[in-house]
Amino acid sequence: MKWTKFTLDTTTEAVDLISDMLSDYGIEGIEIIDNVPITDEEKKQMFVDILPILEKDDGTAKVSFYVDPKEDQDLLLQKIRKGLKELSNFVSIGSGNIEISETEDKDWLNNWKQFFKPFRIDEDILIKPTWEELSDVKEKDLVIEIDPGISFGTGSHETTKLCILSLKKYLKENSTVLDAGSGSGILSILAKKLGARAVLGIDIDEHATKSAIENAQVNHLPTISIDSIENDINKLHQAGGLGFVTGNIIEDDGIRQQIGKDMYDIVVANILADVIIPLAAVITENLKKDGIYIVSGIINTKEKEVQEALLSNHFTILETNRMGDWVSFVAQK
C-alpha cells in the first residue's frame, strides 16, 4: 500500500502548536526535521557514542505526516491551512508551504517508538513504554507502563509532566479524581497509584477510552465497566476504583449530571487552552467545595486568557507553573 506524504515548511517555535493541531485533526503520527541542538537531557536518553552533526539552527523545521489516499485530502488540507492561519496570530509559522508526495508502505505509525525510552518524573515516578525493559528500578519507584497508541500522552511532554507533579503534590489518600480529557489514561493511572479512592477518566474520543482501559490493565489496575453511565459511576464512587467513559462534559449537561455533581476532590485537565477556557465555566458543578482544579496544555501565549477564565468563574489560583513554552495552573473552587 502507498501513502500520501505531506511535508509542511514551518519554524521550530511553531512545531509544538502544529503537532497539537494535527493531532486534533486525527493525524496519528508526525516526523519533525530541524537543527535544534540536542539538550543534555536528550543526550542522556540517546544510547550512542557519537552524536549527529547538525547544521546551524536557522529556526526552520519540516513537519511530515502520512495520510491514507482514500481519505478526503482536499478537506484535510483546507482544515490545516485554516489552522495555520489561526496559529499565525500567535507564532511565526514560516512559509507554511505544504509539499505532497507519495511514499511506499512502511511501519511509520510505530517508528516513533524507538525514541520513547523509560524516564523519570521527579525522583520516584518512572514512566516506561510497554515494549521496553527496565534495568534500573528502585524499591520506592512508582512505575507506570504506557502505550499511547493513537492517543496523546506518554508523560514526556512538558504539559503532562506539569500535571503529574501537581497531582503528586495535591492528591491525598482516598481522594476522588476526575481526569477530563484522559487520552492514554496516564494521569488517571497515576492518580490511582498515588492512592486516590475513585478515579474517572473521560474523553470525547472512544479510541482514547479504549486505549486508557488497556493501559490500566497493563498496570494491573482493573477498571469498572461503565455501561450505564449514571448507575455504574455511582458504583465507582461508592466502592472505589478506576473507570473510563466517553463523553463531552462541556457540551453535554446530562453527562455532567451523570458523572456526579459536587463529587470530585480534584479535577485534572491536560488539554488545550481553547478547551480549558469553556471547561472552567462548567467544571465547578462537579468539583467539591474547596476542590482542586489542575489545568495544563496551555501555550504561554494563551496564559492570560486561561487565567482570566479561571478568575471569572470564581476560582482562586494557587499556583502558576511553567516548563518550556507551556503553562499550568493549580486553582481552587
C-alpha atoms as a PDB file:
ATOM      1  CA  MET A   1       0.000   0.000   0.000  1.00  0.00           C
ATOM      2  CA  LYS A   2       1.197   3.525  -0.757  1.00  0.00           C
ATOM      3  CA  TRP A   3       0.645   6.557   1.477  1.00  0.00           C
ATOM      4  CA  THR A   4       0.339  10.236   0.628  1.00  0.00           C
ATOM      5  CA  LYS A   5       3.082  12.163   2.399  1.00  0.00           C
ATOM      6  CA  PHE A   6       2.562  15.819   3.354  1.00  0.00           C
ATOM      7  CA  THR A   7       5.613  17.902   4.317  1.00  0.00           C
ATOM      8  CA  LEU A   8       4.999  21.293   5.899  1.00  0.00           C
ATOM      9  CA  ASP A   9       7.683  24.009   5.957  1.00  0.00           C
ATOM     10  CA  THR A  10       7.476  25.875   9.248  1.00  0.00           C
ATOM     11  CA  THR A  11       9.534  27.154  12.197  1.00  0.00           C
ATOM     12  CA  THR A  12      10.883  25.402  15.259  1.00  0.00           C
ATOM     13  CA  GLU A  13       8.853  27.664  17.569  1.00  0.00           C
ATOM     14  CA  ALA A  14       5.617  26.591  15.866  1.00  0.00           C
ATOM     15  CA  VAL A  15       6.274  22.841  15.871  1.00  0.00           C
ATOM     16  CA  ASP A  16       4.508  22.070  19.186  1.00  0.00           C
ATOM     17  CA  LEU A  17       1.385  24.023  18.248  1.00  0.00           C
ATOM     18  CA  ILE A  18       1.265  22.459  14.777  1.00  0.00           C
ATOM     19  CA  SER A  19       1.702  18.995  16.287  1.00  0.00           C
ATOM     20  CA  ASP A  20      -1.268  19.586  18.597  1.00  0.00           C
ATOM     21  CA  MET A  21      -3.341  20.906  15.690  1.00  0.00           C
ATOM     22  CA  LEU A  22      -2.592  17.856  13.540  1.00  0.00           C
ATOM     23  CA  SER A  23      -3.496  15.585  16.445  1.00  0.00           C
ATOM     24  CA  ASP A  24      -6.865  17.345  16.713  1.00  0.00           C
ATOM     25  CA  TYR A  25      -7.430  16.576  13.019  1.00  0.00           C
ATOM     26  CA  GLY A  26      -6.826  12.862  13.545  1.00  0.00           C
ATOM     27  CA  ILE A  27      -3.234  12.687  12.298  1.00  0.00           C
ATOM     28  CA  GLU A  28      -1.789   9.686  14.133  1.00  0.00           C
ATOM     29  CA  GLY A  29       1.939  10.369  13.833  1.00  0.00           C
ATOM     30  CA  ILE A  30       4.348  13.013  12.585  1.00  0.00           C
ATOM     31  CA  GLU A  31       8.026  13.350  11.733  1.00  0.00           C
ATOM     32  CA  ILE A  32       9.951  16.523  12.599  1.00  0.00           C
ATOM     33  CA  ILE A  33      13.222  17.562  10.972  1.00  0.00           C
ATOM     34  CA  ASP A  34      15.129  20.535  12.384  1.00  0.00           C
ATOM     35  CA  ASN A  35      18.598  21.582  13.513  1.00  0.00           C
ATOM     36  CA  VAL A  36      17.757  22.371  17.127  1.00  0.00           C
ATOM     37  CA  PRO A  37      20.767  21.457  19.302  1.00  0.00           C
ATOM     38  CA  ILE A  38      20.331  18.327  21.397  1.00  0.00           C
ATOM     39  CA  THR A  39      19.819  19.076  25.089  1.00  0.00           C
ATOM     40  CA  ASP A  40      21.764  17.442  27.911  1.00  0.00           C
ATOM     41  CA  GLU A  41      18.614  15.566  28.953  1.00  0.00           C
ATOM     42  CA  GLU A  42      18.137  14.228  25.419  1.00  0.00           C
ATOM     43  CA  LYS A  43      21.801  13.191  25.247  1.00  0.00           C
ATOM     44  CA  LYS A  44      21.322  11.065  28.361  1.00  0.00           C
ATOM     45  CA  GLN A  45      18.435   9.257  26.666  1.00  0.00           C
ATOM     46  CA  MET A  46      20.376   8.576  23.446  1.00  0.00           C
ATOM     47  CA  PHE A  47      22.376   5.399  23.736  1.00  0.00           C
ATOM     48  CA  VAL A  48      25.006   6.321  21.165  1.00  0.00           C
ATOM     49  CA  ASP A  49      28.676   7.260  21.448  1.00  0.00           C
ATOM     50  CA  ILE A  50      28.780   9.759  18.592  1.00  0.00           C
ATOM     51  CA  LEU A  51      26.055  12.382  18.386  1.00  0.00           C
ATOM     52  CA  PRO A  52      24.762  13.522  14.993  1.00  0.00           C
ATOM     53  CA  ILE A  53      26.371  16.620  13.497  1.00  0.00           C
ATOM     54  CA  LEU A  54      23.700  19.212  12.848  1.00  0.00           C
ATOM     55  CA  GLU A  55      23.774  22.190  10.560  1.00  0.00           C
ATOM     56  CA  LYS A  56      23.445  25.633  12.122  1.00  0.00           C
ATOM     57  CA  ASP A  57      19.980  26.089  13.608  1.00  0.00           C
ATOM     58  CA  ASP A  58      18.235  28.648  11.406  1.00  0.00           C
ATOM     59  CA  GLY A  59      14.873  28.320  13.151  1.00  0.00           C
ATOM     60  CA  THR A  60      13.247  26.363  10.333  1.00  0.00           C
ATOM     61  CA  ALA A  61      11.636  22.947  10.590  1.00  0.00           C
ATOM     62  CA  LYS A  62       9.801  20.440   8.441  1.00  0.00           C
ATOM     63  CA  VAL A  63       6.810  18.530   9.751  1.00  0.00           C
ATOM     64  CA  SER A  64       5.806  15.433   7.769  1.00  0.00           C
ATOM     65  CA  PHE A  65       2.741  13.246   8.181  1.00  0.00           C
ATOM     66  CA  TYR A  66       1.139  10.424   6.208  1.00  0.00           C
ATOM     67  CA  VAL A  67      -2.448  10.013   5.046  1.00  0.00           C
ATOM     68  CA  ASP A  68      -4.327   7.109   3.510  1.00  0.00           C
ATOM     69  CA  PRO A  69      -5.016   8.041  -0.156  1.00  0.00           C
ATOM     70  CA  LYS A  70      -8.652   7.044   0.394  1.00  0.00           C
ATOM     71  CA  GLU A  71      -9.192   9.936   2.818  1.00  0.00           C
ATOM     72  CA  ASP A  72     -10.576  13.295   1.669  1.00  0.00           C
ATOM     73  CA  GLN A  73      -7.231  15.034   1.352  1.00  0.00           C
ATOM     74  CA  ASP A  74      -8.659  18.282  -0.033  1.00  0.00           C
ATOM     75  CA  LEU A  75     -10.841  18.697   3.052  1.00  0.00           C
ATOM     76  CA  LEU A  76      -7.911  17.872   5.341  1.00  0.00           C
ATOM     77  CA  LEU A  77      -5.704  20.454   3.597  1.00  0.00           C
ATOM     78  CA  GLN A  78      -8.424  23.088   3.967  1.00  0.00           C
ATOM     79  CA  LYS A  79      -8.555  22.421   7.719  1.00  0.00           C
ATOM     80  CA  ILE A  80      -4.783  22.518   8.069  1.00  0.00           C
ATOM     81  CA  ARG A  81      -4.413  25.768   6.133  1.00  0.00           C
ATOM     82  CA  LYS A  82      -7.189  27.344   8.197  1.00  0.00           C
ATOM     83  CA  GLY A  83      -5.497  26.131  11.382  1.00  0.00           C
ATOM     84  CA  LEU A  84      -2.134  27.518  10.248  1.00  0.00           C
ATOM     85  CA  LYS A  85      -3.720  30.896   9.608  1.00  0.00           C
ATOM     86  CA  GLU A  86      -5.130  30.940  13.140  1.00  0.00           C
ATOM     87  CA  LEU A  87      -1.789  29.891  14.643  1.00  0.00           C
ATOM     88  CA  SER A  88      -0.006  32.654  12.740  1.00  0.00           C
ATOM     89  CA  ASN A  89      -1.753  35.139  15.050  1.00  0.00           C
ATOM     90  CA  PHE A  90       0.293  33.763  17.953  1.00  0.00           C
ATOM     91  CA  VAL A  91       3.537  32.446  16.486  1.00  0.00           C
ATOM     92  CA  SER A  92       5.593  32.656  13.315  1.00  0.00           C
ATOM     93  CA  ILE A  93       4.739  29.625  11.189  1.00  0.00           C
ATOM     94  CA  GLY A  94       7.251  30.343   8.437  1.00  0.00           C
ATOM     95  CA  SER A  95       6.253  29.864   4.814  1.00  0.00           C
ATOM     96  CA  GLY A  96       3.572  27.291   5.648  1.00  0.00           C
ATOM     97  CA  ASN A  97       4.157  25.654   2.259  1.00  0.00           C
ATOM     98  CA  ILE A  98       2.917  22.066   2.031  1.00  0.00           C
ATOM     99  CA  GLU A  99       4.617  19.596  -0.331  1.00  0.00           C
ATOM    100  CA  ILE A 100       2.691  16.492  -1.346  1.00  0.00           C
ATOM    101  CA  SER A 101       4.363  13.245  -2.417  1.00  0.00           C
ATOM    102  CA  GLU A 102       3.754   9.510  -2.460  1.00  0.00           C
ATOM    103  CA  THR A 103       5.645   7.021  -0.333  1.00  0.00           C
ATOM    104  CA  GLU A 104       5.783   3.253  -0.095  1.00  0.00           C
ATOM    105  CA  ASP A 105       4.015   1.446   2.697  1.00  0.00           C
ATOM    106  CA  LYS A 106       6.051   1.368   5.908  1.00  0.00           C
ATOM    107  CA  ASP A 107       5.518   0.991   9.611  1.00  0.00           C
ATOM    108  CA  TRP A 108       5.602   4.756  10.146  1.00  0.00           C
ATOM    109  CA  LEU A 109       2.990   4.547  12.915  1.00  0.00           C
ATOM    110  CA  ASN A 110       5.465   2.646  15.077  1.00  0.00           C
ATOM    111  CA  ASN A 111       8.730   4.315  14.074  1.00  0.00           C
ATOM    112  CA  TRP A 112       8.422   6.888  16.877  1.00  0.00           C
ATOM    113  CA  LYS A 113       8.674   4.097  19.457  1.00  0.00           C
ATOM    114  CA  GLN A 114      12.445   3.921  19.038  1.00  0.00           C
ATOM    115  CA  PHE A 115      12.712   7.395  20.609  1.00  0.00           C
ATOM    116  CA  PHE A 116      10.437   6.702  23.602  1.00  0.00           C
ATOM    117  CA  LYS A 117      12.616   5.297  26.394  1.00  0.00           C
ATOM    118  CA  PRO A 118      11.933   4.890  30.133  1.00  0.00           C
ATOM    119  CA  PHE A 119      12.400   8.172  32.012  1.00  0.00           C
ATOM    120  CA  ARG A 120      11.821   9.661  35.430  1.00  0.00           C
ATOM    121  CA  ILE A 121       9.466  12.407  36.523  1.00  0.00           C
ATOM    122  CA  ASP A 122      10.537  13.625  39.917  1.00  0.00           C
ATOM    123  CA  GLU A 123      12.709  11.222  41.877  1.00  0.00           C
ATOM    124  CA  ASP A 124      10.308   8.326  42.309  1.00  0.00           C
ATOM    125  CA  ILE A 125       7.899   8.278  39.334  1.00  0.00           C
ATOM    126  CA  LEU A 126       9.146   6.166  36.437  1.00  0.00           C
ATOM    127  CA  ILE A 127       7.363   6.100  33.083  1.00  0.00           C
ATOM    128  CA  LYS A 128       8.128   3.231  30.748  1.00  0.00           C
ATOM    129  CA  PRO A 129       6.735   2.195  27.362  1.00  0.00           C
ATOM    130  CA  THR A 130       5.177  -1.252  27.378  1.00  0.00           C
ATOM    131  CA  TRP A 131       7.698  -2.551  24.824  1.00  0.00           C
ATOM    132  CA  GLU A 132      10.798  -1.570  26.846  1.00  0.00           C
ATOM    133  CA  GLU A 133      12.548  -3.416  29.693  1.00  0.00           C
ATOM    134  CA  LEU A 134      13.671  -1.700  32.891  1.00  0.00           C
ATOM    135  CA  SER A 135      17.225  -2.096  34.125  1.00  0.00           C
ATOM    136  CA  ASP A 136      17.322   0.450  36.956  1.00  0.00           C
ATOM    137  CA  VAL A 137      14.311   0.254  39.269  1.00  0.00           C
ATOM    138  CA  LYS A 138      14.448   1.394  42.871  1.00  0.00           C
ATOM    139  CA  GLU A 139      12.330  -0.103  45.612  1.00  0.00           C
ATOM    140  CA  LYS A 140      10.368   3.118  46.149  1.00  0.00           C
ATOM    141  CA  ASP A 141       9.699   3.711  42.436  1.00  0.00           C
ATOM    142  CA  LEU A 142       6.146   4.135  41.251  1.00  0.00           C
ATOM    143  CA  VAL A 143       6.246   2.598  37.760  1.00  0.00           C
ATOM    144  CA  ILE A 144       3.647   3.414  35.123  1.00  0.00           C
ATOM    145  CA  GLU A 145       3.589   1.494  31.854  1.00  0.00           C
ATOM    146  CA  ILE A 146       2.104   3.274  28.875  1.00  0.00           C
ATOM    147  CA  ASP A 147       1.387   2.505  25.232  1.00  0.00           C
ATOM    148  CA  PRO A 148      -0.061   5.777  23.918  1.00  0.00           C
ATOM    149  CA  GLY A 149      -1.458   4.149  20.765  1.00  0.00           C
ATOM    150  CA  ILE A 150      -3.152   6.909  18.773  1.00  0.00           C
ATOM    151  CA  SER A 151      -3.995   8.950  21.883  1.00  0.00           C
ATOM    152  CA  PHE A 152      -1.729  11.687  23.164  1.00  0.00           C
ATOM    153  CA  GLY A 153       0.013  11.353  26.471  1.00  0.00           C
ATOM    154  CA  THR A 154       3.278   9.495  27.014  1.00  0.00           C
ATOM    155  CA  GLY A 155       4.220  11.575  30.031  1.00  0.00           C
ATOM    156  CA  SER A 156       7.329  13.029  28.404  1.00  0.00           C
ATOM    157  CA  HIS A 157       5.618  16.174  27.151  1.00  0.00           C
ATOM    158  CA  GLU A 158       6.036  19.216  29.417  1.00  0.00           C
ATOM    159  CA  THR A 159       2.281  19.645  29.881  1.00  0.00           C
ATOM    160  CA  THR A 160       1.878  16.106  31.206  1.00  0.00           C
ATOM    161  CA  LYS A 161       4.886  16.480  33.487  1.00  0.00           C
ATOM    162  CA  LEU A 162       3.377  19.631  34.996  1.00  0.00           C
ATOM    163  CA  CYS A 163       0.133  17.768  35.731  1.00  0.00           C
ATOM    164  CA  ILE A 164       1.957  14.800  37.233  1.00  0.00           C
ATOM    165  CA  LEU A 165       3.959  16.985  39.616  1.00  0.00           C
ATOM    166  CA  SER A 166       0.823  18.861  40.724  1.00  0.00           C
ATOM    167  CA  LEU A 167      -1.138  15.634  41.214  1.00  0.00           C
ATOM    168  CA  LYS A 168       1.651  14.255  43.367  1.00  0.00           C
ATOM    169  CA  LYS A 169       1.585  17.424  45.483  1.00  0.00           C
ATOM    170  CA  TYR A 170      -2.175  17.849  45.972  1.00  0.00           C
ATOM    171  CA  LEU A 171      -3.647  14.344  45.802  1.00  0.00           C
ATOM    172  CA  LYS A 172      -4.447  12.855  49.191  1.00  0.00           C
ATOM    173  CA  GLU A 173      -5.243   9.255  50.006  1.00  0.00           C
ATOM    174  CA  ASN A 174      -8.905   8.441  49.362  1.00  0.00           C
ATOM    175  CA  SER A 175      -9.371  11.475  47.084  1.00  0.00           C
ATOM    176  CA  THR A 176     -11.868  11.313  44.249  1.00  0.00           C
ATOM    177  CA  VAL A 177     -10.373  12.409  40.912  1.00  0.00           C
ATOM    178  CA  LEU A 178     -11.833  13.342  37.533  1.00  0.00           C
ATOM    179  CA  ASP A 179      -9.413  13.240  34.576  1.00  0.00           C
ATOM    180  CA  ALA A 180     -11.039  15.461  31.938  1.00  0.00           C
ATOM    181  CA  GLY A 181      -9.609  14.597  28.524  1.00  0.00           C
ATOM    182  CA  SER A 182      -7.992  11.390  29.770  1.00  0.00           C
ATOM    183  CA  GLY A 183      -6.320  10.376  26.484  1.00  0.00           C
ATOM    184  CA  SER A 184      -3.972   7.436  27.094  1.00  0.00           C
ATOM    185  CA  GLY A 185      -5.070   7.357  30.745  1.00  0.00           C
ATOM    186  CA  ILE A 186      -1.661   8.193  32.193  1.00  0.00           C
ATOM    187  CA  LEU A 187      -2.965  10.764  34.700  1.00  0.00           C
ATOM    188  CA  SER A 188      -5.869   8.542  35.790  1.00  0.00           C
ATOM    189  CA  ILE A 189      -3.492   5.617  36.298  1.00  0.00           C
ATOM    190  CA  LEU A 190      -1.071   7.801  38.237  1.00  0.00           C
ATOM    191  CA  ALA A 191      -3.853   9.167  40.439  1.00  0.00           C
ATOM    192  CA  LYS A 192      -4.984   5.660  41.324  1.00  0.00           C
ATOM    193  CA  LYS A 193      -1.428   4.520  42.059  1.00  0.00           C
ATOM    194  CA  LEU A 194      -0.887   7.589  44.255  1.00  0.00           C
ATOM    195  CA  GLY A 195      -3.773   6.463  46.458  1.00  0.00           C
ATOM    196  CA  ALA A 196      -6.951   8.019  45.059  1.00  0.00           C
ATOM    197  CA  ARG A 197     -10.035   6.067  46.084  1.00  0.00           C
ATOM    198  CA  ALA A 198     -12.128   6.659  42.971  1.00  0.00           C
ATOM    199  CA  VAL A 199     -10.843   7.896  39.598  1.00  0.00           C
ATOM    200  CA  LEU A 200     -12.902   8.586  36.494  1.00  0.00           C
ATOM    201  CA  GLY A 201     -11.312   9.388  33.131  1.00  0.00           C
ATOM    202  CA  ILE A 202     -13.495  10.935  30.442  1.00  0.00           C
ATOM    203  CA  ASP A 203     -12.596  11.690  26.826  1.00  0.00           C
ATOM    204  CA  ILE A 204     -14.584  12.638  23.733  1.00  0.00           C
ATOM    205  CA  ASP A 205     -12.718  10.014  21.665  1.00  0.00           C
ATOM    206  CA  GLU A 206     -13.859   6.413  22.112  1.00  0.00           C
ATOM    207  CA  HIS A 207     -10.476   5.187  20.798  1.00  0.00           C
ATOM    208  CA  ALA A 208      -8.738   7.078  23.603  1.00  0.00           C
ATOM    209  CA  THR A 209     -11.108   5.479  26.117  1.00  0.00           C
ATOM    210  CA  LYS A 210     -10.241   2.029  24.780  1.00  0.00           C
ATOM    211  CA  SER A 211      -6.515   2.831  24.937  1.00  0.00           C
ATOM    212  CA  ALA A 212      -6.821   4.073  28.527  1.00  0.00           C
ATOM    213  CA  ILE A 213      -8.598   0.882  29.623  1.00  0.00           C
ATOM    214  CA  GLU A 214      -5.857  -1.222  28.014  1.00  0.00           C
ATOM    215  CA  ASN A 215      -3.142   0.828  29.723  1.00  0.00           C
ATOM    216  CA  ALA A 216      -4.871   0.420  33.083  1.00  0.00           C
ATOM    217  CA  GLN A 217      -4.892  -3.345  32.579  1.00  0.00           C
ATOM    218  CA  VAL A 218      -1.173  -3.319  31.720  1.00  0.00           C
ATOM    219  CA  ASN A 219      -0.619  -1.562  35.059  1.00  0.00           C
ATOM    220  CA  HIS A 220      -2.619  -4.255  36.863  1.00  0.00           C
ATOM    221  CA  LEU A 221      -5.414  -1.824  37.690  1.00  0.00           C
ATOM    222  CA  PRO A 222      -8.809  -3.397  36.994  1.00  0.00           C
ATOM    223  CA  THR A 223     -11.373  -0.958  35.628  1.00  0.00           C
ATOM    224  CA  ILE A 224     -15.064  -0.810  36.376  1.00  0.00           C
ATOM    225  CA  SER A 225     -17.119  -1.472  33.256  1.00  0.00           C
ATOM    226  CA  ILE A 226     -19.288   1.573  32.613  1.00  0.00           C
ATOM    227  CA  ASP A 227     -22.276   0.572  30.512  1.00  0.00           C
ATOM    228  CA  SER A 228     -24.936   2.660  32.206  1.00  0.00           C
ATOM    229  CA  ILE A 229     -23.088   5.910  32.935  1.00  0.00           C
ATOM    230  CA  GLU A 230     -25.111   7.139  35.902  1.00  0.00           C
ATOM    231  CA  ASN A 231     -25.534   3.772  37.650  1.00  0.00           C
ATOM    232  CA  ASP A 232     -22.017   2.470  37.078  1.00  0.00           C
ATOM    233  CA  ILE A 233     -20.340   5.736  38.031  1.00  0.00           C
ATOM    234  CA  ASN A 234     -22.341   5.761  41.259  1.00  0.00           C
ATOM    235  CA  LYS A 235     -20.935   2.279  41.927  1.00  0.00           C
ATOM    236  CA  LEU A 236     -17.447   3.596  41.159  1.00  0.00           C
ATOM    237  CA  HIS A 237     -17.790   6.328  43.779  1.00  0.00           C
ATOM    238  CA  GLN A 238     -19.384   4.075  46.370  1.00  0.00           C
ATOM    239  CA  ALA A 239     -16.961   1.161  46.066  1.00  0.00           C
ATOM    240  CA  GLY A 240     -13.885   2.995  44.794  1.00  0.00           C
ATOM    241  CA  GLY A 241     -11.936   2.035  41.711  1.00  0.00           C
ATOM    242  CA  LEU A 242     -10.930   3.230  38.259  1.00  0.00           C
ATOM    243  CA  GLY A 243     -13.196   3.765  35.278  1.00  0.00           C
ATOM    244  CA  PHE A 244     -13.191   5.378  31.847  1.00  0.00           C
ATOM    245  CA  VAL A 245     -16.063   6.730  29.804  1.00  0.00           C
ATOM    246  CA  THR A 246     -16.591   8.567  26.516  1.00  0.00           C
ATOM    247  CA  GLY A 247     -18.459  11.871  26.581  1.00  0.00           C
ATOM    248  CA  ASN A 248     -18.333  15.652  26.143  1.00  0.00           C
ATOM    249  CA  ILE A 249     -18.623  17.339  29.526  1.00  0.00           C
ATOM    250  CA  ILE A 250     -18.526  20.840  28.065  1.00  0.00           C
ATOM    251  CA  GLU A 251     -21.482  20.496  25.714  1.00  0.00           C
ATOM    252  CA  ASP A 252     -23.493  17.729  27.394  1.00  0.00           C
ATOM    253  CA  ASP A 253     -25.282  18.843  30.579  1.00  0.00           C
ATOM    254  CA  GLY A 254     -26.573  15.301  31.050  1.00  0.00           C
ATOM    255  CA  ILE A 255     -23.065  13.837  31.155  1.00  0.00           C
ATOM    256  CA  ARG A 256     -22.008  16.360  33.785  1.00  0.00           C
ATOM    257  CA  GLN A 257     -25.034  15.392  35.860  1.00  0.00           C
ATOM    258  CA  GLN A 258     -24.374  11.667  35.450  1.00  0.00           C
ATOM    259  CA  ILE A 259     -20.693  11.718  36.379  1.00  0.00           C
ATOM    260  CA  GLY A 260     -21.540  13.393  39.673  1.00  0.00           C
ATOM    261  CA  LYS A 261     -22.237  16.898  40.946  1.00  0.00           C
ATOM    262  CA  ASP A 262     -20.055  18.198  43.806  1.00  0.00           C
ATOM    263  CA  MET A 263     -18.295  14.834  43.677  1.00  0.00           C
ATOM    264  CA  TYR A 264     -14.587  15.326  42.992  1.00  0.00           C
ATOM    265  CA  ASP A 265     -11.764  16.483  45.238  1.00  0.00           C
ATOM    266  CA  ILE A 266      -9.541  17.031  42.192  1.00  0.00           C
ATOM    267  CA  VAL A 267     -10.219  17.631  38.516  1.00  0.00           C
ATOM    268  CA  VAL A 268      -7.192  17.456  36.235  1.00  0.00           C
ATOM    269  CA  ALA A 269      -7.356  18.595  32.606  1.00  0.00           C
ATOM    270  CA  ASN A 270      -4.309  18.252  30.366  1.00  0.00           C
ATOM    271  CA  ILE A 271      -5.841  19.602  27.164  1.00  0.00           C
ATOM    272  CA  LEU A 272      -5.605  22.741  25.037  1.00  0.00           C
ATOM    273  CA  ALA A 273      -6.278  26.272  26.257  1.00  0.00           C
ATOM    274  CA  ASP A 274      -9.219  26.657  23.885  1.00  0.00           C
ATOM    275  CA  VAL A 275     -10.882  23.708  25.654  1.00  0.00           C
ATOM    276  CA  ILE A 276      -9.826  24.634  29.189  1.00  0.00           C
ATOM    277  CA  ILE A 277     -11.427  28.081  28.878  1.00  0.00           C
ATOM    278  CA  PRO A 278     -15.034  26.873  28.294  1.00  0.00           C
ATOM    279  CA  LEU A 279     -14.469  23.947  30.662  1.00  0.00           C
ATOM    280  CA  ALA A 280     -13.757  26.391  33.510  1.00  0.00           C
ATOM    281  CA  ALA A 281     -17.323  27.673  33.231  1.00  0.00           C
ATOM    282  CA  VAL A 282     -18.938  24.273  33.884  1.00  0.00           C
ATOM    283  CA  ILE A 283     -16.493  22.104  35.834  1.00  0.00           C
ATOM    284  CA  THR A 284     -17.365  23.815  39.119  1.00  0.00           C
ATOM    285  CA  GLU A 285     -20.554  21.732  39.021  1.00  0.00           C
ATOM    286  CA  ASN A 286     -18.518  18.564  39.507  1.00  0.00           C
ATOM    287  CA  LEU A 287     -15.878  19.839  41.944  1.00  0.00           C
ATOM    288  CA  LYS A 288     -16.460  19.714  45.676  1.00  0.00           C
ATOM    289  CA  LYS A 289     -16.290  22.926  47.678  1.00  0.00           C
ATOM    290  CA  ASP A 290     -12.585  23.819  48.005  1.00  0.00           C
ATOM    291  CA  GLY A 291     -11.794  21.224  45.318  1.00  0.00           C
ATOM    292  CA  ILE A 292      -8.555  21.487  43.344  1.00  0.00           C
ATOM    293  CA  TYR A 293      -8.547  22.147  39.593  1.00  0.00           C
ATOM    294  CA  ILE A 294      -5.260  21.338  37.798  1.00  0.00           C
ATOM    295  CA  VAL A 295      -5.052  22.505  34.187  1.00  0.00           C
ATOM    296  CA  SER A 296      -2.230  22.192  31.679  1.00  0.00           C
ATOM    297  CA  GLY A 297      -1.637  22.109  27.924  1.00  0.00           C
ATOM    298  CA  ILE A 298      -1.561  25.918  27.840  1.00  0.00           C
ATOM    299  CA  ILE A 299       0.902  27.515  25.439  1.00  0.00           C
ATOM    300  CA  ASN A 300       2.356  30.650  27.031  1.00  0.00           C
ATOM    301  CA  THR A 301       0.630  32.932  24.518  1.00  0.00           C
ATOM    302  CA  LYS A 302      -2.707  31.757  25.964  1.00  0.00           C
ATOM    303  CA  GLU A 303      -1.739  32.081  29.617  1.00  0.00           C
ATOM    304  CA  LYS A 304      -3.613  35.314  30.298  1.00  0.00           C
ATOM    305  CA  GLU A 305      -6.817  34.080  28.622  1.00  0.00           C
ATOM    306  CA  VAL A 306      -6.898  30.944  30.763  1.00  0.00           C
ATOM    307  CA  GLN A 307      -6.073  32.940  33.880  1.00  0.00           C
ATOM    308  CA  GLU A 308      -8.978  35.285  33.182  1.00  0.00           C
ATOM    309  CA  ALA A 309     -11.327  32.342  32.575  1.00  0.00           C
ATOM    310  CA  LEU A 310     -10.401  30.811  35.922  1.00  0.00           C
ATOM    311  CA  LEU A 311     -10.801  34.056  37.844  1.00  0.00           C
ATOM    312  CA  SER A 312     -14.086  34.991  36.144  1.00  0.00           C
ATOM    313  CA  ASN A 313     -15.508  31.600  37.164  1.00  0.00           C
ATOM    314  CA  HIS A 314     -14.629  32.242  40.817  1.00  0.00           C
ATOM    315  CA  PHE A 315     -11.532  30.058  41.067  1.00  0.00           C
ATOM    316  CA  THR A 316      -8.663  31.079  43.296  1.00  0.00           C
ATOM    317  CA  ILE A 317      -5.329  30.489  41.573  1.00  0.00           C
ATOM    318  CA  LEU A 318      -2.944  28.744  43.975  1.00  0.00           C
ATOM    319  CA  GLU A 319      -0.006  28.146  41.624  1.00  0.00           C
ATOM    320  CA  THR A 320       1.222  29.056  38.156  1.00  0.00           C
ATOM    321  CA  ASN A 321       3.886  26.636  36.927  1.00  0.00           C
ATOM    322  CA  ARG A 322       5.912  26.746  33.725  1.00  0.00           C
ATOM    323  CA  MET A 323       8.038  24.332  31.752  1.00  0.00           C
ATOM    324  CA  GLY A 324       9.467  25.370  28.400  1.00  0.00           C
ATOM    325  CA  ASP A 325       6.756  27.230  26.470  1.00  0.00           C
ATOM    326  CA  TRP A 326       3.960  25.623  28.487  1.00  0.00           C
ATOM    327  CA  VAL A 327       1.973  26.820  31.489  1.00  0.00           C
ATOM    328  CA  SER A 328      -0.052  25.010  34.130  1.00  0.00           C
ATOM    329  CA  PHE A 329      -2.406  26.424  36.777  1.00  0.00           C
ATOM    330  CA  VAL A 330      -3.496  24.929  40.072  1.00  0.00           C
ATOM    331  CA  ALA A 331      -6.758  26.561  41.172  1.00  0.00           C
ATOM    332  CA  GLN A 332      -9.297  26.045  43.936  1.00  0.00           C
ATOM    333  CA  LYS A 333     -13.067  26.268  43.792  1.00  0.00           C
END
